[in-house]
Amino acid sequence: MSSYFQTLLAASVCGAICTLLADGFEKYLKYVVSLICIVIIISPLKSIKLSDIGYDGIPDTSLPSADGVPSLYSLSCESAEKQAEEYLCEMLFAEFGIKAVYADIIIDWAKEEPTVEEIILALGSEHGEYAERVYGYFENMLGTGVKVIAV
């Protein structure tokens, strides 16, 4: 449990440092760091088992129920991914005036700390010439694992 709080503190400190060092990208960095903090905050939900605390009347929240109803954890993960994808589309439009045809963020939720594995942005064929610039922009801002394709 202490590693959880250390991770949260480290993400907050890194976010503050990045915000101080980045000119012009403050609002993007704040949003990305906020999303990371939200993911860190909800990540312990997947390991909570109510049977461990002595209550067996409510089903385990980390797995889908037998009737196919998704768990609270899976819904919050999907919501975080969807919001991040929408934000990437907004960033693309704000910077280049291009609307993405498709955006996807692949996050590995099974690890102790959720990790962004890949970010995929698809541009329309009419914007194919921007693919290299868009790739450079997002790779510079977000790091490796970014793919930009023209469809």
N, C-alpha and C. Protein backbone atom coordinates (compact mmCIF):
# COMPACT_ATOMS: atom_id res chain seq x y z
N MET A 1 0.81 -1.19 0.00
CA MET A 1 0.00 0.00 0.00
C MET A 1 0.86 1.26 0.00
N SER A 2 2.02 1.19 0.65
CA SER A 2 2.88 2.37 0.67
C SER A 2 3.41 2.70 -0.72
N SER A 3 3.62 1.67 -1.56
CA SER A 3 4.09 1.94 -2.92
C SER A 3 3.02 2.69 -3.72
N TYR A 4 1.76 2.44 -3.39
CA TYR A 4 0.66 3.15 -4.05
C TYR A 4 0.77 4.66 -3.79
N PHE A 5 0.96 5.02 -2.53
CA PHE A 5 1.06 6.43 -2.17
C PHE A 5 2.36 7.05 -2.70
N GLN A 6 3.42 6.28 -2.72
CA GLN A 6 4.68 6.77 -3.28
C GLN A 6 4.53 7.04 -4.77
N THR A 7 3.83 6.15 -5.47
CA THR A 7 3.60 6.34 -6.90
C THR A 7 2.75 7.57 -7.15
N LEU A 8 1.71 7.75 -6.36
CA LEU A 8 0.86 8.93 -6.49
C LEU A 8 1.63 10.20 -6.22
N LEU A 9 2.46 10.20 -5.19
CA LEU A 9 3.28 11.36 -4.87
C LEU A 9 4.29 11.63 -5.98
N ALA A 10 4.92 10.58 -6.49
CA ALA A 10 5.90 10.74 -7.58
C ALA A 10 5.23 11.32 -8.83
N ALA A 11 4.03 10.84 -9.17
CA ALA A 11 3.31 11.37 -10.34
C ALA A 11 2.97 12.83 -10.14
N SER A 12 2.59 13.20 -8.94
CA SER A 12 2.26 14.60 -8.66
C SER A 12 3.49 15.49 -8.76
N VAL A 13 4.59 15.03 -8.18
CA VAL A 13 5.83 15.82 -8.23
C VAL A 13 6.34 15.93 -9.66
N CYS A 14 6.33 14.82 -10.41
CA CYS A 14 6.76 14.86 -11.82
C CYS A 14 5.88 15.79 -12.63
N GLY A 15 4.58 15.76 -12.37
CA GLY A 15 3.67 16.66 -13.07
C GLY A 15 3.97 18.11 -12.77
N ALA A 16 4.26 18.41 -11.52
CA ALA A 16 4.59 19.79 -11.15
C ALA A 16 5.89 20.24 -11.81
N ILE A 17 6.89 19.37 -11.83
CA ILE A 17 8.17 19.71 -12.47
C ILE A 17 8.00 19.91 -13.96
N CYS A 18 7.26 18.99 -14.61
CA CYS A 18 7.03 19.12 -16.06
C CYS A 18 6.28 20.40 -16.38
N THR A 19 5.31 20.76 -15.55
CA THR A 19 4.55 21.98 -15.77
C THR A 19 5.43 23.21 -15.65
N LEU A 20 6.35 23.18 -14.71
CA LEU A 20 7.26 24.32 -14.54
C LEU A 20 8.24 24.44 -15.72
N LEU A 21 8.64 23.30 -16.29
CA LEU A 21 9.64 23.31 -17.35
C LEU A 21 9.07 23.51 -18.74
N ALA A 22 7.80 23.21 -18.94
CA ALA A 22 7.22 23.24 -20.28
C ALA A 22 6.54 24.57 -20.54
N ASP A 23 7.01 25.28 -21.54
CA ASP A 23 6.38 26.53 -21.93
C ASP A 23 5.41 26.25 -23.07
N GLY A 24 4.19 26.68 -22.91
CA GLY A 24 3.19 26.52 -23.96
C GLY A 24 2.42 25.21 -23.90
N PHE A 25 2.88 24.22 -23.16
CA PHE A 25 2.20 22.92 -23.08
C PHE A 25 1.59 22.69 -21.71
N GLU A 26 1.50 23.73 -20.87
CA GLU A 26 1.05 23.54 -19.50
C GLU A 26 -0.31 22.86 -19.41
N LYS A 27 -1.27 23.34 -20.21
CA LYS A 27 -2.61 22.77 -20.08
C LYS A 27 -2.64 21.32 -20.55
N TYR A 28 -1.83 20.96 -21.55
CA TYR A 28 -1.78 19.58 -22.00
C TYR A 28 -1.14 18.69 -20.95
N LEU A 29 -0.05 19.17 -20.38
CA LEU A 29 0.63 18.39 -19.35
C LEU A 29 -0.24 18.20 -18.12
N LYS A 30 -0.92 19.27 -17.72
CA LYS A 30 -1.80 19.16 -16.55
C LYS A 30 -2.89 18.12 -16.80
N TYR A 31 -3.44 18.11 -18.00
CA TYR A 31 -4.50 17.16 -18.30
C TYR A 31 -3.96 15.73 -18.31
N VAL A 32 -2.83 15.51 -18.96
CA VAL A 32 -2.25 14.17 -19.02
C VAL A 32 -1.86 13.69 -17.63
N VAL A 33 -1.24 14.55 -16.83
CA VAL A 33 -0.87 14.17 -15.46
C VAL A 33 -2.12 13.91 -14.63
N SER A 34 -3.18 14.68 -14.84
CA SER A 34 -4.43 14.44 -14.12
C SER A 34 -5.00 13.07 -14.47
N LEU A 35 -4.96 12.71 -15.77
CA LEU A 35 -5.45 11.39 -16.17
C LEU A 35 -4.61 10.28 -15.55
N ILE A 36 -3.29 10.48 -15.52
CA ILE A 36 -2.42 9.47 -14.91
C ILE A 36 -2.75 9.33 -13.43
N CYS A 37 -2.95 10.45 -12.74
CA CYS A 37 -3.29 10.39 -11.31
C CYS A 37 -4.64 9.69 -11.10
N ILE A 38 -5.60 9.93 -11.97
CA ILE A 38 -6.89 9.26 -11.85
C ILE A 38 -6.71 7.75 -12.01
N VAL A 39 -5.91 7.35 -13.00
CA VAL A 39 -5.65 5.93 -13.22
C VAL A 39 -4.96 5.33 -12.00
N ILE A 40 -4.00 6.04 -11.43
CA ILE A 40 -3.30 5.55 -10.25
C ILE A 40 -4.27 5.42 -9.08
N ILE A 41 -5.16 6.38 -8.94
CA ILE A 41 -6.11 6.35 -7.82
C ILE A 41 -7.08 5.18 -7.94
N ILE A 42 -7.55 4.89 -9.16
CA ILE A 42 -8.53 3.80 -9.30
C ILE A 42 -7.89 2.43 -9.46
N SER A 43 -6.59 2.36 -9.72
CA SER A 43 -5.95 1.07 -9.95
C SER A 43 -6.07 0.08 -8.79
N PRO A 44 -6.08 0.50 -7.52
CA PRO A 44 -6.25 -0.49 -6.44
C PRO A 44 -7.62 -1.17 -6.44
N LEU A 45 -8.61 -0.59 -7.12
CA LEU A 45 -9.94 -1.19 -7.13
C LEU A 45 -9.94 -2.60 -7.70
N LYS A 46 -9.01 -2.88 -8.62
CA LYS A 46 -9.01 -4.19 -9.25
C LYS A 46 -8.55 -5.29 -8.29
N SER A 47 -7.82 -4.92 -7.25
CA SER A 47 -7.32 -5.94 -6.33
C SER A 47 -8.15 -6.07 -5.06
N ILE A 48 -9.16 -5.24 -4.89
CA ILE A 48 -10.00 -5.33 -3.69
C ILE A 48 -10.96 -6.50 -3.84
N LYS A 49 -10.94 -7.37 -2.86
CA LYS A 49 -11.87 -8.49 -2.82
C LYS A 49 -12.65 -8.37 -1.52
N LEU A 50 -13.96 -8.29 -1.64
CA LEU A 50 -14.79 -8.10 -0.46
C LEU A 50 -14.71 -9.30 0.47
N SER A 51 -14.40 -10.47 -0.07
CA SER A 51 -14.27 -11.65 0.79
C SER A 51 -13.08 -11.50 1.73
N ASP A 52 -12.07 -10.71 1.33
CA ASP A 52 -10.91 -10.47 2.18
C ASP A 52 -11.27 -9.65 3.42
N ILE A 53 -12.29 -8.83 3.31
CA ILE A 53 -12.67 -8.02 4.47
C ILE A 53 -13.83 -8.64 5.23
N GLY A 54 -14.19 -9.86 4.86
CA GLY A 54 -15.16 -10.62 5.63
C GLY A 54 -16.60 -10.47 5.20
N TYR A 55 -16.87 -9.93 4.05
CA TYR A 55 -18.24 -9.78 3.58
C TYR A 55 -18.39 -10.54 2.28
N ASP A 56 -19.29 -11.54 2.28
CA ASP A 56 -19.46 -12.38 1.10
C ASP A 56 -20.78 -12.11 0.37
N GLY A 57 -21.55 -11.12 0.82
CA GLY A 57 -22.86 -10.87 0.23
C GLY A 57 -22.82 -10.14 -1.09
N ILE A 58 -21.72 -9.47 -1.42
CA ILE A 58 -21.59 -8.72 -2.67
C ILE A 58 -20.57 -9.43 -3.54
N PRO A 59 -20.83 -9.60 -4.83
CA PRO A 59 -19.86 -10.28 -5.69
C PRO A 59 -18.56 -9.49 -5.82
N ASP A 60 -17.51 -10.17 -6.18
CA ASP A 60 -16.18 -9.59 -6.38
C ASP A 60 -16.25 -8.50 -7.45
N THR A 61 -15.75 -7.29 -7.15
CA THR A 61 -15.87 -6.17 -8.09
C THR A 61 -14.78 -6.17 -9.15
N SER A 62 -13.81 -7.07 -9.05
CA SER A 62 -12.72 -7.03 -10.02
C SER A 62 -13.02 -7.84 -11.27
N LEU A 63 -14.07 -8.66 -11.25
CA LEU A 63 -14.41 -9.51 -12.39
C LEU A 63 -15.84 -9.24 -12.83
N PRO A 64 -16.13 -9.47 -14.12
CA PRO A 64 -17.52 -9.32 -14.55
C PRO A 64 -18.40 -10.36 -13.85
N SER A 65 -19.62 -10.00 -13.60
CA SER A 65 -20.52 -10.93 -12.95
C SER A 65 -20.97 -12.02 -13.93
N ALA A 66 -21.61 -13.05 -13.40
CA ALA A 66 -22.04 -14.18 -14.23
C ALA A 66 -23.07 -13.75 -15.27
N ASP A 67 -23.84 -12.71 -14.98
CA ASP A 67 -24.85 -12.28 -15.94
C ASP A 67 -24.30 -11.30 -16.98
N GLY A 68 -22.97 -11.11 -17.01
CA GLY A 68 -22.34 -10.29 -18.03
C GLY A 68 -22.27 -8.82 -17.72
N VAL A 69 -22.69 -8.40 -16.55
CA VAL A 69 -22.65 -6.99 -16.18
C VAL A 69 -21.20 -6.61 -15.87
N PRO A 70 -20.67 -5.57 -16.50
CA PRO A 70 -19.27 -5.21 -16.27
C PRO A 70 -19.04 -4.69 -14.85
N SER A 71 -17.83 -4.88 -14.36
CA SER A 71 -17.49 -4.45 -13.01
C SER A 71 -17.26 -2.94 -12.98
N LEU A 72 -17.26 -2.41 -11.78
CA LEU A 72 -16.98 -0.98 -11.57
C LEU A 72 -15.58 -0.65 -12.09
N TYR A 73 -14.63 -1.52 -11.85
CA TYR A 73 -13.25 -1.28 -12.29
C TYR A 73 -13.16 -1.23 -13.81
N SER A 74 -13.78 -2.20 -14.49
CA SER A 74 -13.70 -2.20 -15.95
C SER A 74 -14.40 -0.98 -16.55
N LEU A 75 -15.50 -0.55 -15.93
CA LEU A 75 -16.19 0.65 -16.42
C LEU A 75 -15.34 1.90 -16.24
N SER A 76 -14.67 2.02 -15.10
CA SER A 76 -13.83 3.19 -14.86
C SER A 76 -12.62 3.19 -15.80
N CYS A 77 -12.07 2.01 -16.10
CA CYS A 77 -10.95 1.91 -17.03
C CYS A 77 -11.37 2.35 -18.43
N GLU A 78 -12.52 1.85 -18.87
CA GLU A 78 -13.03 2.22 -20.19
C GLU A 78 -13.30 3.72 -20.26
N SER A 79 -13.86 4.28 -19.21
CA SER A 79 -14.15 5.71 -19.18
C SER A 79 -12.87 6.54 -19.26
N ALA A 80 -11.84 6.14 -18.53
CA ALA A 80 -10.56 6.86 -18.56
C ALA A 80 -9.96 6.80 -19.96
N GLU A 81 -10.00 5.64 -20.59
CA GLU A 81 -9.46 5.50 -21.95
C GLU A 81 -10.25 6.37 -22.94
N LYS A 82 -11.57 6.35 -22.84
CA LYS A 82 -12.40 7.13 -23.76
C LYS A 82 -12.12 8.63 -23.60
N GLN A 83 -12.00 9.11 -22.38
CA GLN A 83 -11.70 10.52 -22.16
C GLN A 83 -10.33 10.89 -22.71
N ALA A 84 -9.36 10.02 -22.54
CA ALA A 84 -8.02 10.29 -23.06
C ALA A 84 -8.04 10.32 -24.58
N GLU A 85 -8.79 9.42 -25.21
CA GLU A 85 -8.89 9.40 -26.68
C GLU A 85 -9.54 10.69 -27.18
N GLU A 86 -10.60 11.13 -26.51
CA GLU A 86 -11.26 12.38 -26.90
C GLU A 86 -10.31 13.56 -26.76
N TYR A 87 -9.52 13.55 -25.70
CA TYR A 87 -8.58 14.65 -25.49
C TYR A 87 -7.50 14.66 -26.56
N LEU A 88 -7.03 13.50 -26.97
CA LEU A 88 -6.04 13.44 -28.06
C LEU A 88 -6.63 14.04 -29.34
N CYS A 89 -7.87 13.73 -29.63
CA CYS A 89 -8.53 14.29 -30.82
C CYS A 89 -8.64 15.81 -30.71
N GLU A 90 -8.94 16.30 -29.51
CA GLU A 90 -9.02 17.75 -29.30
C GLU A 90 -7.65 18.40 -29.49
N MET A 91 -6.60 17.77 -28.98
CA MET A 91 -5.24 18.30 -29.14
C MET A 91 -4.86 18.34 -30.61
N LEU A 92 -5.19 17.29 -31.35
CA LEU A 92 -4.88 17.23 -32.78
C LEU A 92 -5.59 18.36 -33.51
N PHE A 93 -6.85 18.59 -33.19
CA PHE A 93 -7.60 19.65 -33.86
C PHE A 93 -7.06 21.02 -33.47
N ALA A 94 -6.72 21.21 -32.20
CA ALA A 94 -6.22 22.50 -31.75
C ALA A 94 -4.88 22.84 -32.39
N GLU A 95 -4.02 21.85 -32.56
CA GLU A 95 -2.67 22.10 -33.08
C GLU A 95 -2.63 22.17 -34.61
N PHE A 96 -3.38 21.27 -35.28
CA PHE A 96 -3.27 21.16 -36.74
C PHE A 96 -4.57 21.48 -37.48
N GLY A 97 -5.69 21.62 -36.77
CA GLY A 97 -6.96 21.85 -37.42
C GLY A 97 -7.48 20.63 -38.14
N ILE A 98 -7.06 19.44 -37.69
CA ILE A 98 -7.43 18.18 -38.32
C ILE A 98 -8.27 17.37 -37.34
N LYS A 99 -9.35 16.80 -37.84
CA LYS A 99 -10.15 15.89 -37.01
C LYS A 99 -9.68 14.46 -37.29
N ALA A 100 -9.40 13.72 -36.22
CA ALA A 100 -8.96 12.34 -36.36
C ALA A 100 -10.15 11.47 -36.76
N VAL A 101 -9.88 10.52 -37.65
CA VAL A 101 -10.89 9.54 -38.04
C VAL A 101 -11.07 8.54 -36.90
N TYR A 102 -9.96 8.25 -36.23
CA TYR A 102 -9.96 7.21 -35.19
C TYR A 102 -8.83 7.52 -34.21
N ALA A 103 -9.09 7.31 -32.94
CA ALA A 103 -8.05 7.45 -31.92
C ALA A 103 -8.23 6.31 -30.93
N ASP A 104 -7.12 5.72 -30.52
CA ASP A 104 -7.17 4.61 -29.58
C ASP A 104 -5.97 4.67 -28.65
N ILE A 105 -6.21 4.41 -27.39
CA ILE A 105 -5.15 4.31 -26.40
C ILE A 105 -5.23 2.91 -25.81
N ILE A 106 -4.13 2.20 -25.87
CA ILE A 106 -4.08 0.84 -25.33
C ILE A 106 -3.32 0.90 -24.01
N ILE A 107 -4.02 0.59 -22.93
CA ILE A 107 -3.44 0.63 -21.59
C ILE A 107 -3.45 -0.78 -21.03
N ASP A 108 -2.31 -1.19 -20.49
CA ASP A 108 -2.22 -2.49 -19.83
C ASP A 108 -2.64 -2.31 -18.38
N TRP A 109 -3.86 -2.71 -18.07
CA TRP A 109 -4.42 -2.53 -16.73
C TRP A 109 -4.03 -3.68 -15.81
N ALA A 110 -3.45 -4.75 -16.36
CA ALA A 110 -3.13 -5.94 -15.56
C ALA A 110 -1.88 -5.75 -14.71
N LYS A 111 -1.04 -4.80 -15.05
CA LYS A 111 0.18 -4.57 -14.29
C LYS A 111 -0.16 -3.89 -12.97
N GLU A 112 0.81 -3.88 -12.06
CA GLU A 112 0.60 -3.23 -10.76
C GLU A 112 0.23 -1.77 -10.94
N GLU A 113 0.91 -1.12 -11.88
CA GLU A 113 0.59 0.26 -12.23
C GLU A 113 0.21 0.28 -13.70
N PRO A 114 -0.97 0.76 -14.05
CA PRO A 114 -1.40 0.79 -15.45
C PRO A 114 -0.37 1.51 -16.32
N THR A 115 -0.12 0.94 -17.50
CA THR A 115 0.90 1.46 -18.39
C THR A 115 0.30 1.69 -19.77
N VAL A 116 0.57 2.87 -20.35
CA VAL A 116 0.13 3.15 -21.71
C VAL A 116 1.06 2.40 -22.65
N GLU A 117 0.50 1.43 -23.38
CA GLU A 117 1.29 0.61 -24.28
C GLU A 117 1.41 1.24 -25.67
N GLU A 118 0.31 1.82 -26.14
CA GLU A 118 0.31 2.33 -27.50
C GLU A 118 -0.77 3.39 -27.67
N ILE A 119 -0.48 4.37 -28.50
CA ILE A 119 -1.44 5.41 -28.86
C ILE A 119 -1.53 5.40 -30.39
N ILE A 120 -2.74 5.26 -30.90
CA ILE A 120 -2.95 5.19 -32.35
C ILE A 120 -3.87 6.33 -32.77
N LEU A 121 -3.42 7.10 -33.73
CA LEU A 121 -4.24 8.16 -34.33
C LEU A 121 -4.35 7.89 -35.82
N ALA A 122 -5.57 7.90 -36.32
CA ALA A 122 -5.79 7.70 -37.76
C ALA A 122 -6.32 8.99 -38.36
N LEU A 123 -5.63 9.45 -39.39
CA LEU A 123 -6.03 10.66 -40.11
C LEU A 123 -6.72 10.25 -41.40
N GLY A 124 -7.60 11.10 -41.88
CA GLY A 124 -8.23 10.85 -43.17
C GLY A 124 -7.21 10.93 -44.29
N SER A 125 -7.49 10.29 -45.41
CA SER A 125 -6.55 10.27 -46.53
C SER A 125 -6.23 11.67 -47.04
N GLU A 126 -7.16 12.61 -46.88
CA GLU A 126 -6.91 13.98 -47.34
C GLU A 126 -5.89 14.70 -46.46
N HIS A 127 -5.61 14.15 -45.28
CA HIS A 127 -4.63 14.75 -44.38
C HIS A 127 -3.39 13.89 -44.24
N GLY A 128 -3.17 12.98 -45.16
CA GLY A 128 -2.03 12.06 -45.10
C GLY A 128 -0.69 12.76 -45.06
N GLU A 129 -0.58 13.93 -45.70
CA GLU A 129 0.70 14.64 -45.71
C GLU A 129 1.08 15.19 -44.34
N TYR A 130 0.11 15.26 -43.43
CA TYR A 130 0.38 15.74 -42.08
C TYR A 130 0.83 14.64 -41.13
N ALA A 131 0.77 13.40 -41.57
CA ALA A 131 1.03 12.27 -40.68
C ALA A 131 2.39 12.37 -39.99
N GLU A 132 3.41 12.72 -40.73
CA GLU A 132 4.77 12.80 -40.16
C GLU A 132 4.86 13.92 -39.12
N ARG A 133 4.27 15.08 -39.43
CA ARG A 133 4.30 16.20 -38.47
C ARG A 133 3.50 15.87 -37.22
N VAL A 134 2.34 15.24 -37.39
CA VAL A 134 1.50 14.86 -36.25
C VAL A 134 2.24 13.84 -35.39
N TYR A 135 2.88 12.88 -36.04
CA TYR A 135 3.66 11.88 -35.31
C TYR A 135 4.76 12.55 -34.49
N GLY A 136 5.50 13.45 -35.10
CA GLY A 136 6.57 14.15 -34.40
C GLY A 136 6.05 14.95 -33.22
N TYR A 137 4.92 15.60 -33.40
CA TYR A 137 4.32 16.41 -32.33
C TYR A 137 3.94 15.55 -31.13
N PHE A 138 3.20 14.45 -31.39
CA PHE A 138 2.75 13.61 -30.29
C PHE A 138 3.89 12.79 -29.68
N GLU A 139 4.84 12.37 -30.49
CA GLU A 139 5.98 11.63 -29.94
C GLU A 139 6.81 12.54 -29.04
N ASN A 140 6.99 13.77 -29.47
CA ASN A 140 7.73 14.73 -28.65
C ASN A 140 7.02 15.00 -27.33
N MET A 141 5.71 15.06 -27.36
CA MET A 141 4.94 15.37 -26.17
C MET A 141 4.72 14.15 -25.28
N LEU A 142 4.43 12.99 -25.88
CA LEU A 142 4.00 11.83 -25.11
C LEU A 142 5.03 10.70 -25.07
N GLY A 143 6.04 10.75 -25.90
CA GLY A 143 7.06 9.69 -25.89
C GLY A 143 6.77 8.61 -26.92
N THR A 144 7.45 7.50 -26.75
CA THR A 144 7.35 6.40 -27.71
C THR A 144 6.00 5.70 -27.59
N GLY A 145 5.69 4.88 -28.58
CA GLY A 145 4.44 4.14 -28.57
C GLY A 145 3.34 4.83 -29.34
N VAL A 146 3.65 5.91 -30.04
CA VAL A 146 2.66 6.65 -30.81
C VAL A 146 2.71 6.19 -32.26
N LYS A 147 1.54 5.90 -32.83
CA LYS A 147 1.42 5.57 -34.25
C LYS A 147 0.43 6.51 -34.90
N VAL A 148 0.81 7.07 -36.02
CA VAL A 148 -0.09 7.94 -36.78
C VAL A 148 -0.19 7.34 -38.18
N ILE A 149 -1.42 7.05 -38.60
CA ILE A 149 -1.63 6.45 -39.91
C ILE A 149 -2.66 7.27 -40.68
N ALA A 150 -2.58 7.18 -41.99
CA ALA A 150 -3.56 7.82 -42.87
C ALA A 150 -4.41 6.73 -43.48
N VAL A 151 -5.72 6.88 -43.35
CA VAL A 151 -6.64 5.86 -43.89
C VAL A 151 -7.47 6.41 -45.01
